[in-house]
Protein backbone atom coordinates (compact mmCIF):
# COMPACT_ATOMS: atom_id res chain seq x y z
CA MET A 1 -178.06 -95.24 -155.67
CA GLY A 2 -175.86 -95.43 -158.72
CA ASP A 3 -172.86 -97.03 -160.01
CA VAL A 4 -169.34 -94.44 -159.54
CA GLY A 5 -168.44 -95.12 -163.23
CA THR A 6 -170.30 -95.67 -166.52
CA LYS A 7 -168.56 -99.21 -167.09
CA LEU A 8 -166.55 -101.78 -165.04
CA LEU A 9 -163.57 -101.93 -166.39
CA PHE A 10 -161.33 -104.22 -164.21
CA GLU A 11 -161.99 -105.50 -160.11
CA ASP A 12 -159.94 -107.49 -157.95
CA ASP A 13 -159.54 -107.61 -154.52
CA ARG A 14 -156.83 -104.55 -154.22
CA CYS A 15 -158.82 -102.48 -157.11
CA ARG A 16 -162.00 -101.33 -158.98
CA VAL A 17 -161.49 -99.37 -162.25
CA TRP A 18 -163.94 -97.59 -163.82
CA GLU A 19 -164.54 -95.65 -167.26
CA VAL A 20 -166.83 -92.76 -167.06
CA ARG A 21 -168.73 -91.36 -170.37
CA LEU A 22 -170.50 -88.27 -170.32
CA GLY A 23 -171.90 -86.84 -173.46
CA PRO A 24 -172.15 -82.63 -173.74
CA GLY A 25 -174.76 -81.86 -170.66
CA GLU A 26 -175.01 -85.50 -169.62
CA GLU A 27 -175.23 -86.48 -165.86
CA GLY A 28 -173.72 -89.41 -164.36
CA ASP A 29 -175.89 -91.80 -161.59
CA VAL A 30 -175.97 -90.10 -158.04
CA HIS A 31 -173.32 -92.48 -156.26
CA ARG A 32 -171.62 -92.79 -153.24
CA HIS A 33 -167.34 -93.33 -153.14
CA GLU A 34 -166.87 -95.87 -150.19
CA LEU A 35 -163.51 -95.98 -151.29
CA ASP A 36 -160.26 -94.13 -151.29
CA HIS A 37 -159.72 -93.58 -155.04
CA LEU A 38 -157.95 -91.99 -158.34
CA LEU A 39 -159.67 -89.69 -160.87
CA ILE A 40 -157.76 -89.97 -164.05
CA GLN A 41 -159.13 -87.46 -166.46
CA VAL A 42 -158.24 -88.69 -170.15
CA ALA A 43 -160.51 -86.50 -172.36
CA GLY A 44 -163.24 -82.75 -172.13
CA ASP A 45 -163.45 -79.81 -171.54
CA ARG A 46 -165.54 -78.74 -168.81
CA ILE A 47 -167.01 -81.15 -166.38
CA ALA A 48 -168.74 -80.85 -162.44
CA VAL A 49 -169.02 -82.35 -159.18
CA MET A 50 -172.60 -81.87 -157.45
CA PRO A 51 -172.00 -83.38 -154.59
CA GLU A 52 -175.58 -83.94 -152.43
CA ASP A 53 -176.42 -82.46 -149.17
CA ASP A 54 -175.42 -85.47 -147.00
CA SER A 55 -171.78 -85.64 -148.39
CA GLU A 56 -169.08 -86.31 -146.25
CA GLY A 57 -166.85 -85.85 -149.28
CA PRO A 58 -163.97 -83.23 -149.93
CA PHE A 59 -166.57 -81.77 -152.26
CA ARG A 60 -169.42 -80.45 -150.58
CA GLU A 61 -170.47 -77.57 -153.14
CA TYR A 62 -171.15 -77.54 -156.60
CA PHE A 63 -168.10 -77.00 -158.65
CA ALA A 64 -167.22 -76.54 -161.69
CA ALA A 65 -163.44 -76.60 -163.90
CA ASP A 66 -161.91 -77.28 -166.66
CA VAL A 67 -160.47 -80.67 -167.88
CA LEU A 68 -156.36 -81.28 -168.06
CA PRO A 69 -155.89 -84.67 -169.96
CA GLY A 70 -153.89 -87.07 -168.07
CA ALA A 71 -154.60 -85.27 -164.82
CA VAL A 72 -154.85 -87.40 -162.04
CA VAL A 73 -156.60 -86.36 -158.86
CA PRO A 74 -156.58 -88.71 -155.58
CA VAL A 75 -159.45 -88.12 -154.02
CA ARG A 76 -161.08 -89.19 -149.91
CA ARG A 77 -163.93 -91.53 -149.89
CA GLY A 78 -167.32 -90.16 -148.34
CA GLY A 79 -168.61 -88.19 -150.77
CA VAL A 80 -172.42 -88.40 -152.37
CA GLU A 81 -172.37 -86.70 -155.62
CA ARG A 82 -173.02 -87.19 -159.20
CA ALA A 83 -171.13 -86.14 -162.42
CA ARG A 84 -172.05 -83.48 -165.28
CA ASN A 85 -170.31 -82.43 -168.15
CA VAL A 86 -170.87 -78.63 -168.17
CA GLY A 87 -168.54 -78.32 -171.09
CA GLU A 88 -168.88 -79.04 -175.56
CA GLN A 89 -167.26 -82.19 -175.80
CA ASP A 90 -167.54 -85.79 -174.45
CA TYR A 91 -165.46 -86.09 -171.02
CA LEU A 92 -163.82 -89.48 -170.25
CA GLU A 93 -162.14 -90.39 -167.22
CA VAL A 94 -160.73 -93.24 -165.18
CA VAL A 95 -161.37 -94.15 -161.58
CA VAL A 96 -159.55 -96.47 -159.64
CA GLU A 97 -160.60 -97.48 -156.31
CA PHE A 98 -158.73 -99.11 -153.48
CA LYS A 99 -160.00 -101.52 -151.61
CA ALA A 100 -156.68 -101.92 -149.67
């Protein structure tokens, strides 16, 4: 499995913060969300979640949506997925994982 994000920005005993950057048409690594987390959309126009068949997370089917810069989305642990930028703009998001 790959990393949750493209770059680890911060980690301590309570949380881990990732940057996710994807160019148009680019996909992230398949990864498992072991922790509850927040997705914070920063930039882009359209993003898709592509869950694996054995995913136990909230997204169990392909899902594409418009990006809303500034949106904060709480997500429960368990998902096995990858993200794909299905838009025409570069996508940027911050993921904050909660360890405790």
